[in-house]
């Protein structure tokens, strides 16, 4: 009887692990990003960081979001296109506390320079 219980437990454990792995692979992009950020020391979700940043740019649209470390601080950096005007607002949210650390406006030219710099860094 003990052997059957052990085998039943092993089968249940294997099924649970298989379903978990399947769900992780098919999760939403937000869930996948949250999973990636979970091993980095981030204690707030990417969605919470986005909500905090959008509160600073009402009506804006998120153009990009990345998890970065700058000067020893782990943060989410979000580029948000405002509903009116040109360029983007870059909002930085602390990935551990959720506090908004800063907001700067990038003109279209500055945004282009930053994109070029990022592209060059990826090819190195």
N, C-alpha and C. Protein backbone atom coordinates (compact mmCIF):
# COMPACT_ATOMS: atom_id res chain seq x y z
N UNK A 1 0.82 -1.19 0.00
CA UNK A 1 0.00 0.00 0.00
C UNK A 1 0.87 1.26 0.00
N UNK A 2 1.93 1.23 0.73
CA UNK A 2 2.84 2.37 0.81
C UNK A 2 3.45 2.67 -0.55
N UNK A 3 3.76 1.66 -1.32
CA UNK A 3 4.34 1.84 -2.64
C UNK A 3 3.35 2.54 -3.56
N UNK A 4 2.09 2.19 -3.50
CA UNK A 4 1.06 2.82 -4.33
C UNK A 4 0.92 4.29 -3.97
N UNK A 5 0.96 4.61 -2.72
CA UNK A 5 0.84 6.01 -2.30
C UNK A 5 2.04 6.80 -2.79
N UNK A 6 3.22 6.22 -2.67
CA UNK A 6 4.41 6.91 -3.16
C UNK A 6 4.32 7.12 -4.66
N UNK A 7 3.92 6.11 -5.41
CA UNK A 7 3.80 6.24 -6.86
C UNK A 7 2.73 7.26 -7.22
N UNK A 8 1.64 7.25 -6.49
CA UNK A 8 0.58 8.23 -6.74
C UNK A 8 1.05 9.64 -6.45
N UNK A 9 1.81 9.79 -5.38
CA UNK A 9 2.37 11.10 -5.04
C UNK A 9 3.35 11.55 -6.11
N UNK A 10 4.20 10.63 -6.56
CA UNK A 10 5.18 10.98 -7.60
C UNK A 10 4.47 11.39 -8.89
N UNK A 11 3.41 10.68 -9.24
CA UNK A 11 2.67 11.03 -10.46
C UNK A 11 2.01 12.40 -10.30
N UNK A 12 1.44 12.67 -9.15
CA UNK A 12 0.81 13.97 -8.92
C UNK A 12 1.84 15.09 -8.95
N UNK A 13 3.00 14.85 -8.36
CA UNK A 13 4.06 15.86 -8.36
C UNK A 13 4.55 16.11 -9.78
N UNK A 14 4.73 15.04 -10.56
CA UNK A 14 5.18 15.21 -11.95
C UNK A 14 4.17 16.00 -12.76
N UNK A 15 2.87 15.69 -12.57
CA UNK A 15 1.82 16.40 -13.30
C UNK A 15 1.81 17.87 -12.91
N UNK A 16 1.95 18.18 -11.64
CA UNK A 16 1.98 19.56 -11.18
C UNK A 16 3.15 20.32 -11.80
N UNK A 17 4.32 19.71 -11.82
CA UNK A 17 5.49 20.36 -12.41
C UNK A 17 5.29 20.58 -13.91
N UNK A 18 4.74 19.60 -14.60
CA UNK A 18 4.53 19.73 -16.04
C UNK A 18 3.53 20.84 -16.35
N UNK A 19 2.45 20.91 -15.57
CA UNK A 19 1.46 21.97 -15.81
C UNK A 19 2.06 23.34 -15.51
N UNK A 20 2.86 23.43 -14.47
CA UNK A 20 3.51 24.71 -14.13
C UNK A 20 4.45 25.16 -15.23
N UNK A 21 5.23 24.24 -15.77
CA UNK A 21 6.16 24.59 -16.85
C UNK A 21 5.40 25.03 -18.09
N UNK A 22 4.31 24.34 -18.39
CA UNK A 22 3.50 24.70 -19.55
C UNK A 22 2.91 26.10 -19.37
N UNK A 23 2.39 26.38 -18.18
CA UNK A 23 1.80 27.70 -17.93
C UNK A 23 2.85 28.79 -18.03
N UNK A 24 4.07 28.54 -17.54
CA UNK A 24 5.14 29.54 -17.61
C UNK A 24 5.49 29.87 -19.05
N UNK A 25 5.49 28.86 -19.92
CA UNK A 25 5.86 29.10 -21.32
C UNK A 25 4.75 29.80 -22.09
N UNK A 26 3.51 29.62 -21.67
CA UNK A 26 2.41 30.19 -22.44
C UNK A 26 1.81 31.41 -21.77
N UNK A 27 2.42 31.92 -20.71
CA UNK A 27 1.88 33.07 -20.00
C UNK A 27 1.91 34.33 -20.86
N UNK A 28 1.20 35.34 -20.38
CA UNK A 28 1.15 36.61 -21.10
C UNK A 28 2.54 37.24 -21.11
N UNK A 29 2.78 38.19 -22.04
CA UNK A 29 4.08 38.88 -22.04
C UNK A 29 4.39 39.54 -20.70
N UNK A 30 3.35 40.11 -20.06
CA UNK A 30 3.58 40.75 -18.75
C UNK A 30 3.99 39.72 -17.71
N UNK A 31 3.37 38.54 -17.75
CA UNK A 31 3.72 37.48 -16.80
C UNK A 31 5.13 36.99 -17.05
N UNK A 32 5.51 36.87 -18.32
CA UNK A 32 6.85 36.43 -18.65
C UNK A 32 7.89 37.45 -18.20
N UNK A 33 7.58 38.75 -18.36
CA UNK A 33 8.52 39.79 -17.92
C UNK A 33 8.64 39.77 -16.39
N UNK A 34 7.52 39.57 -15.70
CA UNK A 34 7.54 39.50 -14.25
C UNK A 34 8.39 38.33 -13.79
N UNK A 35 8.26 37.19 -14.50
CA UNK A 35 9.06 36.02 -14.16
C UNK A 35 10.54 36.30 -14.37
N UNK A 36 10.88 36.96 -15.48
CA UNK A 36 12.28 37.29 -15.74
C UNK A 36 12.82 38.22 -14.68
N UNK A 37 12.01 39.19 -14.25
CA UNK A 37 12.50 40.18 -13.28
C UNK A 37 12.55 39.63 -11.87
N UNK A 38 11.85 38.50 -11.62
CA UNK A 38 11.78 37.98 -10.26
C UNK A 38 13.14 37.53 -9.74
N UNK A 39 14.04 37.12 -10.59
CA UNK A 39 15.35 36.68 -10.15
C UNK A 39 16.38 37.79 -10.07
N UNK A 40 15.97 39.02 -10.31
CA UNK A 40 16.93 40.11 -10.37
C UNK A 40 16.98 40.96 -9.12
N UNK A 41 16.06 40.73 -8.19
CA UNK A 41 16.00 41.55 -7.00
C UNK A 41 14.88 42.56 -7.04
N UNK A 42 14.16 42.64 -8.16
CA UNK A 42 13.01 43.54 -8.25
C UNK A 42 11.91 43.01 -7.33
N UNK A 43 11.35 43.88 -6.52
CA UNK A 43 10.28 43.45 -5.61
C UNK A 43 8.92 43.97 -6.04
N UNK A 44 8.89 44.87 -7.01
CA UNK A 44 7.59 45.30 -7.54
C UNK A 44 7.47 44.75 -8.96
N UNK A 45 6.25 44.56 -9.38
CA UNK A 45 6.01 43.99 -10.71
C UNK A 45 6.21 45.05 -11.78
N UNK A 46 6.48 44.62 -13.00
CA UNK A 46 6.57 45.57 -14.11
C UNK A 46 5.26 46.34 -14.30
N UNK A 47 4.12 45.68 -14.04
CA UNK A 47 2.83 46.36 -14.19
C UNK A 47 2.66 47.49 -13.17
N UNK A 48 3.10 47.26 -11.93
CA UNK A 48 3.01 48.32 -10.91
C UNK A 48 3.90 49.50 -11.30
N UNK A 49 5.10 49.20 -11.78
CA UNK A 49 6.00 50.27 -12.22
C UNK A 49 5.36 51.07 -13.35
N UNK A 50 4.69 50.38 -14.26
CA UNK A 50 4.02 51.06 -15.37
C UNK A 50 2.90 51.96 -14.87
N UNK A 51 2.10 51.46 -13.93
CA UNK A 51 1.02 52.30 -13.38
C UNK A 51 1.57 53.55 -12.70
N UNK A 52 2.67 53.38 -11.96
CA UNK A 52 3.26 54.54 -11.27
C UNK A 52 3.79 55.56 -12.29
N UNK A 53 4.41 55.07 -13.35
CA UNK A 53 4.96 55.98 -14.37
C UNK A 53 3.85 56.68 -15.13
N UNK A 54 2.81 55.94 -15.49
CA UNK A 54 1.70 56.56 -16.24
C UNK A 54 0.96 57.60 -15.41
N UNK A 55 1.01 57.48 -14.09
CA UNK A 55 0.40 58.50 -13.24
C UNK A 55 1.12 59.83 -13.39
N UNK A 56 2.40 59.79 -13.80
CA UNK A 56 3.17 61.01 -14.03
C UNK A 56 2.93 61.61 -15.40
N UNK A 57 2.41 60.81 -16.34
CA UNK A 57 2.16 61.28 -17.71
C UNK A 57 0.74 60.85 -18.09
N UNK A 58 -0.26 61.54 -17.54
CA UNK A 58 -1.65 61.14 -17.79
C UNK A 58 -1.98 61.12 -19.29
N UNK A 59 -2.64 60.05 -19.71
CA UNK A 59 -3.03 59.92 -21.11
C UNK A 59 -1.90 59.46 -22.01
N UNK A 60 -0.71 59.22 -21.44
CA UNK A 60 0.44 58.80 -22.24
C UNK A 60 0.38 57.34 -22.63
N UNK A 61 1.25 56.97 -23.57
CA UNK A 61 1.35 55.59 -24.05
C UNK A 61 2.77 55.10 -23.83
N UNK A 62 2.92 53.94 -23.21
CA UNK A 62 4.24 53.37 -22.97
C UNK A 62 4.84 52.91 -24.29
N UNK A 63 6.01 53.43 -24.60
CA UNK A 63 6.73 53.08 -25.83
C UNK A 63 7.72 51.95 -25.53
N UNK A 64 8.37 52.01 -24.37
CA UNK A 64 9.31 50.96 -23.98
C UNK A 64 9.41 50.91 -22.47
N UNK A 65 9.79 49.73 -22.00
CA UNK A 65 9.99 49.53 -20.56
C UNK A 65 11.15 48.56 -20.41
N UNK A 66 12.11 48.91 -19.55
CA UNK A 66 13.24 48.01 -19.33
C UNK A 66 13.64 48.03 -17.87
N UNK A 67 14.23 46.94 -17.44
CA UNK A 67 14.76 46.82 -16.09
C UNK A 67 16.26 47.05 -16.19
N UNK A 68 16.76 48.05 -15.47
CA UNK A 68 18.16 48.46 -15.58
C UNK A 68 18.76 48.68 -14.20
N UNK A 69 20.07 48.70 -14.15
CA UNK A 69 20.77 49.11 -12.93
C UNK A 69 21.58 50.34 -13.27
N UNK A 70 21.29 51.42 -12.57
CA UNK A 70 22.00 52.68 -12.78
C UNK A 70 22.54 53.18 -11.45
N UNK A 71 23.83 53.38 -11.40
CA UNK A 71 24.49 53.88 -10.19
C UNK A 71 24.10 53.06 -8.95
N UNK A 72 24.05 51.73 -9.13
CA UNK A 72 23.77 50.84 -8.01
C UNK A 72 22.30 50.70 -7.65
N UNK A 73 21.41 51.32 -8.40
CA UNK A 73 19.97 51.24 -8.12
C UNK A 73 19.28 50.45 -9.23
N UNK A 74 18.54 49.43 -8.83
CA UNK A 74 17.76 48.66 -9.79
C UNK A 74 16.47 49.42 -10.06
N UNK A 75 16.21 49.70 -11.34
CA UNK A 75 15.03 50.50 -11.66
C UNK A 75 14.40 50.07 -12.97
N UNK A 76 13.12 50.41 -13.08
CA UNK A 76 12.42 50.28 -14.35
C UNK A 76 12.52 51.64 -15.03
N UNK A 77 12.92 51.64 -16.29
CA UNK A 77 12.98 52.86 -17.07
C UNK A 77 11.89 52.75 -18.14
N UNK A 78 10.97 53.70 -18.13
CA UNK A 78 9.85 53.68 -19.07
C UNK A 78 9.88 54.92 -19.94
N UNK A 79 9.78 54.72 -21.24
CA UNK A 79 9.61 55.83 -22.17
C UNK A 79 8.12 55.92 -22.48
N UNK A 80 7.56 57.09 -22.23
CA UNK A 80 6.12 57.29 -22.40
C UNK A 80 5.89 58.45 -23.35
N UNK A 81 5.14 58.18 -24.41
CA UNK A 81 4.78 59.23 -25.36
C UNK A 81 3.57 59.97 -24.80
N UNK A 82 3.70 61.29 -24.57
CA UNK A 82 2.57 62.05 -24.01
C UNK A 82 1.43 62.17 -25.02
N UNK A 83 0.24 62.36 -24.50
CA UNK A 83 -0.93 62.50 -25.36
C UNK A 83 -0.79 63.72 -26.27
N UNK A 84 -0.14 64.76 -25.78
CA UNK A 84 0.08 65.97 -26.58
C UNK A 84 1.56 66.31 -26.54
N UNK A 85 2.06 66.86 -27.62
CA UNK A 85 3.46 67.25 -27.68
C UNK A 85 4.29 66.21 -28.38
N UNK A 86 5.58 66.45 -28.43
CA UNK A 86 6.48 65.54 -29.13
C UNK A 86 7.50 64.97 -28.15
N UNK A 87 8.28 64.02 -28.65
CA UNK A 87 9.29 63.40 -27.80
C UNK A 87 8.66 62.41 -26.85
N UNK A 88 9.42 62.03 -25.82
CA UNK A 88 8.93 61.10 -24.81
C UNK A 88 9.34 61.59 -23.42
N UNK A 89 8.58 61.14 -22.45
CA UNK A 89 8.93 61.36 -21.05
C UNK A 89 9.57 60.06 -20.57
N UNK A 90 10.79 60.15 -20.05
CA UNK A 90 11.42 58.98 -19.46
C UNK A 90 11.18 59.04 -17.96
N UNK A 91 10.50 58.02 -17.44
CA UNK A 91 10.18 57.96 -16.02
C UNK A 91 10.92 56.76 -15.44
N UNK A 92 11.62 56.99 -14.33
CA UNK A 92 12.37 55.92 -13.68
C UNK A 92 11.69 55.58 -12.36
N UNK A 93 11.43 54.27 -12.18
CA UNK A 93 10.74 53.79 -10.98
C UNK A 93 11.64 52.78 -10.29
N UNK A 94 11.87 52.98 -8.99
CA UNK A 94 12.70 52.07 -8.22
C UNK A 94 12.06 50.68 -8.23
N UNK A 95 12.81 49.68 -8.65
CA UNK A 95 12.28 48.32 -8.80
C UNK A 95 12.13 47.60 -7.46
N UNK A 96 12.66 48.19 -6.40
CA UNK A 96 12.53 47.57 -5.08
C UNK A 96 11.45 48.24 -4.23
N UNK A 97 11.33 49.57 -4.36
CA UNK A 97 10.38 50.29 -3.50
C UNK A 97 9.14 50.78 -4.24
N UNK A 98 9.24 50.93 -5.55
CA UNK A 98 8.12 51.47 -6.33
C UNK A 98 8.09 52.99 -6.38
N UNK A 99 9.06 53.63 -5.76
CA UNK A 99 9.10 55.10 -5.76
C UNK A 99 9.52 55.61 -7.14
N UNK A 100 8.90 56.70 -7.57
CA UNK A 100 9.33 57.34 -8.81
C UNK A 100 10.60 58.11 -8.50
N UNK A 101 11.68 57.75 -9.18
CA UNK A 101 12.99 58.35 -8.92
C UNK A 101 13.24 59.61 -9.73
N UNK A 102 12.61 59.69 -10.89
CA UNK A 102 12.84 60.86 -11.72
C UNK A 102 12.06 60.79 -13.01
N UNK A 103 11.99 61.94 -13.65
CA UNK A 103 11.30 62.07 -14.92
C UNK A 103 12.02 63.12 -15.73
N UNK A 104 12.34 62.77 -16.98
CA UNK A 104 12.99 63.74 -17.87
C UNK A 104 12.31 63.69 -19.22
N UNK A 105 12.31 64.84 -19.88
CA UNK A 105 11.76 64.91 -21.24
C UNK A 105 12.89 64.70 -22.23
N UNK A 106 12.64 63.83 -23.22
CA UNK A 106 13.60 63.63 -24.30
C UNK A 106 12.96 64.11 -25.58
N UNK A 107 13.63 65.02 -26.25
CA UNK A 107 13.13 65.50 -27.54
C UNK A 107 13.24 64.37 -28.56
N UNK A 108 12.65 64.57 -29.72
CA UNK A 108 12.72 63.58 -30.78
C UNK A 108 14.18 63.30 -31.15
N UNK A 109 15.00 64.36 -31.23
CA UNK A 109 16.41 64.20 -31.57
C UNK A 109 17.16 63.42 -30.48
N UNK A 110 16.89 63.72 -29.21
CA UNK A 110 17.54 63.01 -28.11
C UNK A 110 17.12 61.54 -28.09
N UNK A 111 15.85 61.31 -28.36
CA UNK A 111 15.33 59.95 -28.41
C UNK A 111 16.03 59.15 -29.52
N UNK A 112 16.23 59.78 -30.67
CA UNK A 112 16.89 59.13 -31.80
C UNK A 112 18.36 58.81 -31.45
N UNK A 113 19.05 59.78 -30.82
CA UNK A 113 20.44 59.55 -30.42
C UNK A 113 20.55 58.38 -29.43
N UNK A 114 19.63 58.33 -28.49
CA UNK A 114 19.64 57.26 -27.50
C UNK A 114 19.38 55.90 -28.17
N UNK A 115 18.47 55.85 -29.12
CA UNK A 115 18.19 54.61 -29.84
C UNK A 115 19.41 54.16 -30.64
N UNK A 116 20.09 55.10 -31.28
CA UNK A 116 21.30 54.78 -32.02
C UNK A 116 22.39 54.25 -31.09
N UNK A 117 22.54 54.88 -29.94
CA UNK A 117 23.55 54.47 -28.95
C UNK A 117 23.24 53.06 -28.46
N UNK A 118 21.96 52.78 -28.16
CA UNK A 118 21.56 51.45 -27.67
C UNK A 118 21.80 50.39 -28.73
N UNK A 119 21.52 50.73 -29.99
CA UNK A 119 21.71 49.77 -31.08
C UNK A 119 23.20 49.47 -31.26
N UNK A 120 24.05 50.50 -31.15
CA UNK A 120 25.50 50.30 -31.27
C UNK A 120 26.02 49.44 -30.14
N UNK A 121 25.48 49.63 -28.94
CA UNK A 121 25.93 48.85 -27.78
C UNK A 121 25.57 47.38 -27.93
N UNK A 122 24.45 47.09 -28.57
CA UNK A 122 24.04 45.70 -28.76
C UNK A 122 24.91 44.97 -29.75
N UNK A 123 25.54 45.69 -30.67
CA UNK A 123 26.37 45.04 -31.68
C UNK A 123 27.79 44.78 -31.18
N UNK A 124 28.12 45.30 -30.03
CA UNK A 124 29.49 45.11 -29.48
C UNK A 124 29.64 43.77 -28.84
